[in-house]
């Protein structure tokens, strides 16, 4: 059901992640599926799969159907220089994506658990991730996996100030 991606899976992983980015755009997600973003995703995928960074690129692959979902978590670029003692070694949860026809089957919930165990094996103590406010299914899946809300992110485009 779940397996770790290899270098040969890069194309399929990027296809799934492009679908993820397009979908999260509809919820107000900040990352667009443009060349620059996908270049960053490709570089991070290569680093996790190649072992130059600690992380997981996990594929959801139902029997005989090929990859139908992906999870993406691990070290960030230049992130983590400040390590709160309380959190220990922090992995960044870039996201989980399951194609619509495979949702409502607890796949995302089970993928959360699979990734959490794998990250613990890699030496991480905490995963920090974001769920978009309008993505109720993602919020419920994360809470079902015992993930706890920590803070609310405020987005303020500079130059749109309403204060003088």
N, C-alpha and C. Protein backbone atom coordinates (compact mmCIF):
# COMPACT_ATOMS: atom_id res chain seq x y z
N UNK A 1 0.81 -1.19 0.00
CA UNK A 1 0.00 0.00 0.00
C UNK A 1 0.86 1.26 0.00
N UNK A 2 1.88 1.34 0.88
CA UNK A 2 2.80 2.47 0.92
C UNK A 2 4.21 1.97 0.64
N UNK A 3 4.96 2.78 -0.08
CA UNK A 3 6.37 2.45 -0.30
C UNK A 3 7.14 3.74 -0.48
N UNK A 4 8.43 3.66 -0.16
CA UNK A 4 9.28 4.84 -0.33
C UNK A 4 9.68 4.97 -1.79
N UNK A 5 9.62 6.18 -2.28
CA UNK A 5 9.96 6.46 -3.68
C UNK A 5 11.44 6.22 -3.93
N UNK A 6 11.76 5.90 -5.16
CA UNK A 6 13.14 5.77 -5.61
C UNK A 6 13.38 6.86 -6.66
N UNK A 7 14.60 6.99 -7.09
CA UNK A 7 14.93 7.99 -8.12
C UNK A 7 14.09 7.76 -9.39
N UNK A 8 13.78 6.51 -9.68
CA UNK A 8 12.99 6.20 -10.88
C UNK A 8 11.55 6.69 -10.78
N UNK A 9 11.09 7.02 -9.57
CA UNK A 9 9.72 7.49 -9.35
C UNK A 9 9.58 9.01 -9.47
N UNK A 10 10.67 9.71 -9.76
CA UNK A 10 10.65 11.17 -9.74
C UNK A 10 9.53 11.75 -10.59
N UNK A 11 9.37 11.28 -11.83
CA UNK A 11 8.34 11.82 -12.72
C UNK A 11 6.94 11.65 -12.17
N UNK A 12 6.65 10.45 -11.67
CA UNK A 12 5.31 10.20 -11.11
C UNK A 12 5.09 11.01 -9.84
N UNK A 13 6.14 11.13 -9.01
CA UNK A 13 6.02 11.91 -7.80
C UNK A 13 5.73 13.38 -8.14
N UNK A 14 6.46 13.93 -9.10
CA UNK A 14 6.24 15.33 -9.49
C UNK A 14 4.85 15.54 -10.10
N UNK A 15 4.34 14.56 -10.81
CA UNK A 15 2.97 14.66 -11.34
C UNK A 15 1.98 14.74 -10.19
N UNK A 16 2.12 13.86 -9.20
CA UNK A 16 1.24 13.89 -8.04
C UNK A 16 1.38 15.20 -7.28
N UNK A 17 2.62 15.67 -7.12
CA UNK A 17 2.82 16.90 -6.35
C UNK A 17 2.28 18.12 -7.10
N UNK A 18 2.33 18.10 -8.41
CA UNK A 18 1.72 19.18 -9.20
C UNK A 18 0.21 19.19 -8.97
N UNK A 19 -0.41 18.01 -8.95
CA UNK A 19 -1.85 17.92 -8.66
C UNK A 19 -2.14 18.48 -7.26
N UNK A 20 -1.29 18.14 -6.30
CA UNK A 20 -1.43 18.64 -4.92
C UNK A 20 -1.38 20.17 -4.91
N UNK A 21 -0.38 20.74 -5.57
CA UNK A 21 -0.22 22.20 -5.58
C UNK A 21 -1.41 22.89 -6.25
N UNK A 22 -1.90 22.32 -7.33
CA UNK A 22 -3.07 22.89 -8.00
C UNK A 22 -4.29 22.86 -7.09
N UNK A 23 -4.47 21.74 -6.39
CA UNK A 23 -5.62 21.62 -5.50
C UNK A 23 -5.52 22.60 -4.33
N UNK A 24 -4.33 22.69 -3.72
CA UNK A 24 -4.20 23.57 -2.56
C UNK A 24 -4.27 25.05 -2.96
N UNK A 25 -3.97 25.36 -4.20
CA UNK A 25 -4.18 26.74 -4.67
C UNK A 25 -5.63 27.14 -4.48
N UNK A 26 -6.55 26.21 -4.70
CA UNK A 26 -7.97 26.47 -4.55
C UNK A 26 -8.38 26.75 -3.11
N UNK A 27 -7.56 26.31 -2.15
CA UNK A 27 -7.82 26.60 -0.74
C UNK A 27 -7.03 27.82 -0.27
N UNK A 28 -6.36 28.49 -1.17
CA UNK A 28 -5.56 29.65 -0.80
C UNK A 28 -4.11 29.33 -0.51
N UNK A 29 -3.64 28.16 -0.94
CA UNK A 29 -2.24 27.78 -0.71
C UNK A 29 -1.27 28.74 -1.37
N UNK A 30 -0.14 28.94 -0.73
CA UNK A 30 0.83 29.92 -1.18
C UNK A 30 1.72 29.43 -2.31
N UNK A 31 1.88 28.11 -2.46
CA UNK A 31 2.79 27.57 -3.47
C UNK A 31 2.03 27.27 -4.75
N UNK A 32 2.54 27.81 -5.84
CA UNK A 32 1.92 27.58 -7.14
C UNK A 32 2.73 26.53 -7.90
N UNK A 33 2.08 25.76 -8.75
CA UNK A 33 2.80 24.73 -9.50
C UNK A 33 3.55 25.30 -10.69
N UNK A 34 4.43 26.25 -10.43
CA UNK A 34 5.21 26.85 -11.50
C UNK A 34 6.59 26.19 -11.57
N UNK A 35 7.38 26.60 -12.54
CA UNK A 35 8.70 25.99 -12.77
C UNK A 35 9.61 26.11 -11.54
N UNK A 36 9.60 27.26 -10.90
CA UNK A 36 10.49 27.47 -9.75
C UNK A 36 10.10 26.57 -8.57
N UNK A 37 8.81 26.53 -8.25
CA UNK A 37 8.35 25.69 -7.15
C UNK A 37 8.64 24.22 -7.43
N UNK A 38 8.32 23.77 -8.64
CA UNK A 38 8.56 22.36 -8.97
C UNK A 38 10.05 22.04 -9.01
N UNK A 39 10.88 23.03 -9.33
CA UNK A 39 12.33 22.83 -9.26
C UNK A 39 12.78 22.60 -7.82
N UNK A 40 12.20 23.37 -6.89
CA UNK A 40 12.51 23.18 -5.47
C UNK A 40 12.04 21.81 -4.99
N UNK A 41 10.84 21.41 -5.41
CA UNK A 41 10.30 20.09 -5.03
C UNK A 41 11.21 19.00 -5.59
N UNK A 42 11.61 19.14 -6.84
CA UNK A 42 12.49 18.14 -7.47
C UNK A 42 13.81 18.03 -6.70
N UNK A 43 14.39 19.17 -6.34
CA UNK A 43 15.67 19.16 -5.62
C UNK A 43 15.52 18.50 -4.25
N UNK A 44 14.43 18.80 -3.55
CA UNK A 44 14.23 18.20 -2.25
C UNK A 44 13.94 16.70 -2.38
N UNK A 45 13.14 16.32 -3.38
CA UNK A 45 12.90 14.90 -3.66
C UNK A 45 14.23 14.18 -3.88
N UNK A 46 15.08 14.74 -4.75
CA UNK A 46 16.37 14.12 -5.04
C UNK A 46 17.24 14.01 -3.78
N UNK A 47 17.20 15.03 -2.93
CA UNK A 47 17.99 15.01 -1.70
C UNK A 47 17.51 13.93 -0.73
N UNK A 48 16.18 13.79 -0.58
CA UNK A 48 15.65 12.77 0.31
C UNK A 48 15.92 11.36 -0.24
N UNK A 49 15.62 11.17 -1.51
CA UNK A 49 15.79 9.85 -2.13
C UNK A 49 17.27 9.48 -2.23
N UNK A 50 18.10 10.47 -2.52
CA UNK A 50 19.53 10.22 -2.65
C UNK A 50 20.28 10.13 -1.34
N UNK A 51 19.65 10.55 -0.25
CA UNK A 51 20.27 10.43 1.06
C UNK A 51 21.12 11.60 1.49
N UNK A 52 21.13 12.70 0.74
CA UNK A 52 21.92 13.85 1.19
C UNK A 52 21.18 14.68 2.23
N UNK A 53 19.89 14.44 2.40
CA UNK A 53 19.07 15.04 3.44
C UNK A 53 18.17 13.94 4.00
N UNK A 54 17.80 14.10 5.27
CA UNK A 54 16.89 13.14 5.88
C UNK A 54 15.45 13.53 5.56
N UNK A 55 14.70 12.58 5.01
CA UNK A 55 13.31 12.84 4.70
C UNK A 55 12.68 11.65 4.02
N UNK A 56 11.38 11.79 3.75
CA UNK A 56 10.61 10.70 3.16
C UNK A 56 9.78 11.21 2.00
N UNK A 57 9.81 10.46 0.92
CA UNK A 57 8.94 10.66 -0.24
C UNK A 57 8.19 9.34 -0.36
N UNK A 58 7.01 9.31 0.22
CA UNK A 58 6.25 8.07 0.32
C UNK A 58 5.14 8.06 -0.72
N UNK A 59 4.99 6.95 -1.40
CA UNK A 59 3.94 6.81 -2.41
C UNK A 59 2.85 5.88 -1.90
N UNK A 60 1.62 6.25 -2.21
CA UNK A 60 0.47 5.37 -1.97
C UNK A 60 0.21 4.67 -3.28
N UNK A 61 0.30 3.33 -3.26
CA UNK A 61 0.20 2.56 -4.50
C UNK A 61 -0.71 1.35 -4.28
N UNK A 62 -2.01 1.51 -4.61
CA UNK A 62 -2.90 0.35 -4.50
C UNK A 62 -2.47 -0.74 -5.47
N UNK A 63 -2.75 -1.95 -5.13
CA UNK A 63 -2.35 -3.11 -5.94
C UNK A 63 -2.66 -2.93 -7.41
N UNK A 64 -1.62 -2.94 -8.22
CA UNK A 64 -1.75 -2.91 -9.68
C UNK A 64 -2.18 -1.60 -10.32
N UNK A 65 -2.25 -0.51 -9.54
CA UNK A 65 -2.75 0.75 -10.10
C UNK A 65 -1.69 1.83 -10.24
N UNK A 66 -0.50 1.60 -9.76
CA UNK A 66 0.53 2.64 -9.80
C UNK A 66 0.27 3.68 -8.73
N UNK A 67 1.20 4.62 -8.54
CA UNK A 67 1.06 5.62 -7.49
C UNK A 67 -0.20 6.47 -7.66
N UNK A 68 -0.94 6.59 -6.56
CA UNK A 68 -2.19 7.37 -6.53
C UNK A 68 -2.19 8.41 -5.42
N UNK A 69 -1.05 8.56 -4.77
CA UNK A 69 -0.92 9.55 -3.70
C UNK A 69 0.52 9.62 -3.24
N UNK A 70 0.81 10.67 -2.47
CA UNK A 70 2.19 10.87 -2.01
C UNK A 70 2.21 11.65 -0.70
N UNK A 71 3.22 11.36 0.09
CA UNK A 71 3.52 12.12 1.30
C UNK A 71 4.96 12.61 1.20
N UNK A 72 5.23 13.80 1.72
CA UNK A 72 6.51 14.47 1.50
C UNK A 72 6.89 15.17 2.80
N UNK A 73 7.89 14.66 3.53
CA UNK A 73 8.27 15.22 4.82
C UNK A 73 9.76 15.05 5.06
N UNK A 74 10.35 15.97 5.82
CA UNK A 74 11.75 15.84 6.21
C UNK A 74 12.43 17.16 6.46
N UNK A 75 13.75 17.15 6.35
CA UNK A 75 14.54 18.36 6.57
C UNK A 75 14.20 19.41 5.51
N UNK A 76 14.28 20.65 5.90
CA UNK A 76 14.07 21.74 4.95
C UNK A 76 15.39 22.36 4.53
N UNK A 77 15.32 23.30 3.61
CA UNK A 77 16.49 24.04 3.15
C UNK A 77 16.73 25.20 4.09
N UNK A 78 17.83 25.18 4.78
CA UNK A 78 18.17 26.30 5.65
C UNK A 78 17.18 26.51 6.79
N UNK A 79 16.34 25.51 7.01
CA UNK A 79 15.35 25.60 8.07
C UNK A 79 15.82 24.72 9.22
N UNK A 80 15.54 25.12 10.41
CA UNK A 80 15.89 24.29 11.55
C UNK A 80 17.16 24.73 12.25
N UNK A 81 17.70 25.89 11.83
CA UNK A 81 18.87 26.40 12.52
C UNK A 81 18.53 26.70 13.98
N UNK A 82 17.27 27.07 14.21
CA UNK A 82 16.79 27.27 15.57
C UNK A 82 15.98 26.02 15.91
N UNK A 83 16.47 25.29 16.85
CA UNK A 83 15.77 24.06 17.26
C UNK A 83 15.24 24.24 18.67
N UNK A 84 13.96 24.46 18.82
CA UNK A 84 13.42 24.58 20.17
C UNK A 84 13.69 23.29 20.95
N UNK A 85 14.21 23.42 22.14
CA UNK A 85 14.50 22.25 22.96
C UNK A 85 13.28 21.37 23.15
N UNK A 86 12.13 22.00 23.29
CA UNK A 86 10.90 21.25 23.54
C UNK A 86 10.55 20.35 22.35
N UNK A 87 10.84 20.79 21.14
CA UNK A 87 10.46 20.03 19.94
C UNK A 87 11.52 19.04 19.49
N UNK A 88 12.77 19.22 19.92
CA UNK A 88 13.84 18.33 19.47
C UNK A 88 14.13 18.52 18.00
N UNK A 89 14.45 17.45 17.31
CA UNK A 89 14.78 17.50 15.87
C UNK A 89 13.47 17.55 15.07
N UNK A 90 13.31 18.61 14.28
CA UNK A 90 12.05 18.89 13.60
C UNK A 90 12.10 18.52 12.12
N UNK A 91 11.08 17.79 11.68
CA UNK A 91 10.85 17.51 10.26
C UNK A 91 9.72 18.42 9.79
N UNK A 92 9.78 18.82 8.55
CA UNK A 92 8.74 19.67 7.98
C UNK A 92 7.81 18.81 7.14
N UNK A 93 6.53 18.88 7.45
CA UNK A 93 5.53 18.14 6.70
C UNK A 93 5.09 18.97 5.51
N UNK A 94 5.64 18.67 4.34
CA UNK A 94 5.31 19.46 3.14
C UNK A 94 3.90 19.15 2.66
N UNK A 95 3.40 17.98 2.97
CA UNK A 95 2.02 17.67 2.61
C UNK A 95 1.78 16.21 2.33
N UNK A 96 0.50 15.90 2.24
CA UNK A 96 0.03 14.59 1.84
C UNK A 96 -1.03 14.81 0.78
N UNK A 97 -0.94 14.04 -0.28
CA UNK A 97 -1.91 14.16 -1.37
C UNK A 97 -2.40 12.78 -1.76
N UNK A 98 -3.71 12.62 -1.83
CA UNK A 98 -4.34 11.39 -2.29
C UNK A 98 -5.30 11.80 -3.41
N UNK A 99 -5.24 11.13 -4.53
CA UNK A 99 -6.15 11.45 -5.64
C UNK A 99 -7.60 11.31 -5.17
N UNK A 100 -8.49 12.17 -5.68
CA UNK A 100 -9.88 12.20 -5.18
C UNK A 100 -10.60 10.85 -5.17
N UNK A 101 -10.37 10.02 -6.16
CA UNK A 101 -11.10 8.75 -6.22
C UNK A 101 -10.68 7.76 -5.12
N UNK A 102 -9.60 8.05 -4.39
CA UNK A 102 -9.14 7.17 -3.33
C UNK A 102 -9.33 7.78 -1.94
N UNK A 103 -10.04 8.90 -1.87
CA UNK A 103 -10.29 9.55 -0.59
C UNK A 103 -11.48 8.91 0.11
N UNK A 104 -11.65 9.29 1.37
CA UNK A 104 -12.73 8.78 2.22
C UNK A 104 -12.57 7.29 2.50
N UNK A 105 -11.32 6.82 2.45
CA UNK A 105 -11.01 5.42 2.74
C UNK A 105 -9.95 5.32 3.84
N UNK A 106 -9.70 6.42 4.52
CA UNK A 106 -8.70 6.54 5.58
C UNK A 106 -7.27 6.35 5.09
N UNK A 107 -7.04 6.55 3.80
CA UNK A 107 -5.69 6.40 3.26
C UNK A 107 -4.77 7.49 3.82
N UNK A 108 -5.22 8.73 3.83
CA UNK A 108 -4.38 9.82 4.34
C UNK A 108 -4.05 9.60 5.82
N UNK A 109 -5.03 9.16 6.57
CA UNK A 109 -4.81 8.88 7.99
C UNK A 109 -3.72 7.82 8.17
N UNK A 110 -3.83 6.73 7.41
CA UNK A 110 -2.83 5.66 7.50
C UNK A 110 -1.47 6.13 7.00
N UNK A 111 -1.46 7.02 6.00
CA UNK A 111 -0.20 7.55 5.50
C UNK A 111 0.46 8.46 6.55
N UNK A 112 -0.35 9.24 7.28
CA UNK A 112 0.19 10.05 8.39
C UNK A 112 0.93 9.14 9.37
N UNK A 113 0.30 8.05 9.75
CA UNK A 113 0.89 7.13 10.73
C UNK A 113 2.17 6.50 10.17
N UNK A 114 2.14 6.06 8.91
CA UNK A 114 3.31 5.47 8.27
C UNK A 114 4.48 6.45 8.26
N UNK A 115 4.20 7.68 7.87
CA UNK A 115 5.26 8.70 7.80
C UNK A 115 5.78 9.03 9.19
N UNK A 116 4.89 9.16 10.17
CA UNK A 116 5.33 9.47 11.53
C UNK A 116 6.31 8.41 12.05
N UNK A 117 5.99 7.16 11.81
CA UNK A 117 6.90 6.08 12.24
C UNK A 117 8.23 6.15 11.51
N UNK A 118 8.19 6.41 10.20
CA UNK A 118 9.42 6.51 9.42
C UNK A 118 10.29 7.67 9.84
N UNK A 119 9.66 8.81 10.13
CA UNK A 119 10.43 9.98 10.56
C UNK A 119 11.06 9.73 11.93
N UNK A 120 10.36 9.05 12.80
CA UNK A 120 10.92 8.70 14.11
C UNK A 120 12.15 7.81 13.92
N UNK A 121 12.06 6.85 12.99
CA UNK A 121 13.21 5.99 12.70
C UNK A 121 14.39 6.78 12.13
N UNK A 122 14.11 7.90 11.46
CA UNK A 122 15.18 8.75 10.91
C UNK A 122 15.77 9.69 11.97
N UNK A 123 15.22 9.67 13.18
CA UNK A 123 15.76 10.48 14.27
C UNK A 123 15.02 11.77 14.55
N UNK A 124 13.88 11.99 13.91
CA UNK A 124 13.10 13.20 14.17
C UNK A 124 12.25 13.00 15.42
N UNK A 125 11.99 14.11 16.10
CA UNK A 125 11.16 14.10 17.30
C UNK A 125 9.79 14.72 17.07
N UNK A 126 9.70 15.62 16.09
CA UNK A 126 8.48 16.40 15.86
C UNK A 126 8.32 16.65 14.37
N UNK A 127 7.07 16.71 13.93
CA UNK A 127 6.75 17.13 12.56
C UNK A 127 5.95 18.42 12.67
N UNK A 128 6.35 19.42 11.90
CA UNK A 128 5.61 20.67 11.82
C UNK A 128 5.06 20.80 10.41
N UNK A 129 3.78 21.03 10.31
CA UNK A 129 3.16 21.18 9.00
C UNK A 129 2.01 22.16 9.07
N UNK A 130 1.49 22.50 7.92
CA UNK A 130 0.36 23.42 7.83
C UNK A 130 -0.78 22.74 7.12
N UNK A 131 -1.99 23.05 7.56
CA UNK A 131 -3.18 22.64 6.84
C UNK A 131 -3.95 23.91 6.52
N UNK A 132 -4.38 24.03 5.30
CA UNK A 132 -5.09 25.23 4.90
C UNK A 132 -6.47 25.28 5.54
N UNK A 133 -6.88 26.48 5.93
CA UNK A 133 -8.12 26.67 6.68
C UNK A 133 -9.31 26.01 6.00
N UNK A 134 -9.43 26.09 4.68
CA UNK A 134 -10.58 25.54 3.99
C UNK A 134 -10.51 24.06 3.71
N UNK A 135 -9.41 23.41 4.04
CA UNK A 135 -9.24 21.99 3.72
C UNK A 135 -9.65 21.14 4.92
N UNK A 136 -10.95 21.01 5.10
CA UNK A 136 -11.49 20.31 6.27
C UNK A 136 -11.06 18.84 6.32
N UNK A 137 -10.99 18.18 5.17
CA UNK A 137 -10.59 16.77 5.15
C UNK A 137 -9.17 16.61 5.68
N UNK A 138 -8.25 17.49 5.30
CA UNK A 138 -6.87 17.41 5.78
C UNK A 138 -6.80 17.67 7.28
N UNK A 139 -7.55 18.63 7.74
CA UNK A 139 -7.57 18.94 9.18
C UNK A 139 -8.06 17.72 9.97
N UNK A 140 -9.14 17.12 9.53
CA UNK A 140 -9.69 15.95 10.23
C UNK A 140 -8.73 14.77 10.19
N UNK A 141 -8.07 14.56 9.06
CA UNK A 141 -7.11 13.47 8.96
C UNK A 141 -5.95 13.68 9.92
N UNK A 142 -5.42 14.89 9.97
CA UNK A 142 -4.30 15.18 10.86
C UNK A 142 -4.71 15.04 12.32
N UNK A 143 -5.85 15.56 12.67
CA UNK A 143 -6.31 15.44 14.06
C UNK A 143 -6.56 13.98 14.42
N UNK A 144 -7.05 13.20 13.46
CA UNK A 144 -7.27 11.77 13.68
C UNK A 144 -5.98 11.02 13.91
N UNK A 145 -4.88 11.55 13.40
CA UNK A 145 -3.57 10.93 13.60
C UNK A 145 -2.88 11.50 14.84
N UNK A 146 -3.66 12.21 15.68
CA UNK A 146 -3.19 12.79 16.95
C UNK A 146 -2.21 13.95 16.75
N UNK A 147 -2.31 14.64 15.63
CA UNK A 147 -1.51 15.85 15.44
C UNK A 147 -2.25 16.98 16.12
N UNK A 148 -1.53 17.88 16.76
CA UNK A 148 -2.15 18.94 17.54
C UNK A 148 -1.92 20.31 16.89
N UNK A 149 -2.97 21.11 16.80
CA UNK A 149 -2.78 22.47 16.30
C UNK A 149 -1.85 23.23 17.23
N UNK A 150 -0.97 24.04 16.66
CA UNK A 150 -0.02 24.79 17.47
C UNK A 150 -0.23 26.29 17.36
N UNK A 151 -0.47 26.78 16.17
CA UNK A 151 -0.60 28.22 16.00
C UNK A 151 -1.45 28.51 14.77
N UNK A 152 -1.82 29.76 14.64
CA UNK A 152 -2.55 30.21 13.46
C UNK A 152 -1.60 31.11 12.67
N UNK A 153 -1.45 30.82 11.39
CA UNK A 153 -0.58 31.64 10.55
C UNK A 153 -1.40 32.79 9.98
N UNK A 154 -0.86 33.98 10.07
CA UNK A 154 -1.53 35.16 9.52
C UNK A 154 -0.80 35.59 8.26
N UNK A 155 -1.54 35.81 7.20
CA UNK A 155 -0.96 36.24 5.93
C UNK A 155 -1.32 37.70 5.73
N UNK A 156 -0.30 38.56 5.68
CA UNK A 156 -0.52 39.99 5.48
C UNK A 156 0.35 40.45 4.32
N UNK A 157 -0.24 40.64 3.13
CA UNK A 157 0.55 41.16 2.02
C UNK A 157 1.05 42.56 2.34
N UNK A 158 2.34 42.77 2.25
CA UNK A 158 2.90 44.08 2.57
C UNK A 158 2.45 45.10 1.53
N UNK A 159 2.10 46.26 2.02
CA UNK A 159 1.62 47.30 1.13
C UNK A 159 0.10 47.41 1.14
N UNK A 160 -0.57 46.44 1.72
CA UNK A 160 -2.03 46.47 1.83
C UNK A 160 -2.47 46.89 3.22
N UNK A 161 -1.64 47.68 3.88
CA UNK A 161 -1.92 48.07 5.25
C UNK A 161 -3.21 48.84 5.37
N UNK A 162 -3.96 48.56 6.40
CA UNK A 162 -5.19 49.29 6.69
C UNK A 162 -4.97 50.22 7.87
N UNK A 163 -3.73 50.29 8.35
CA UNK A 163 -3.39 51.11 9.50
C UNK A 163 -2.48 52.25 9.05
N UNK A 164 -2.64 53.36 9.68
CA UNK A 164 -1.75 54.51 9.35
C UNK A 164 -1.01 54.96 10.55
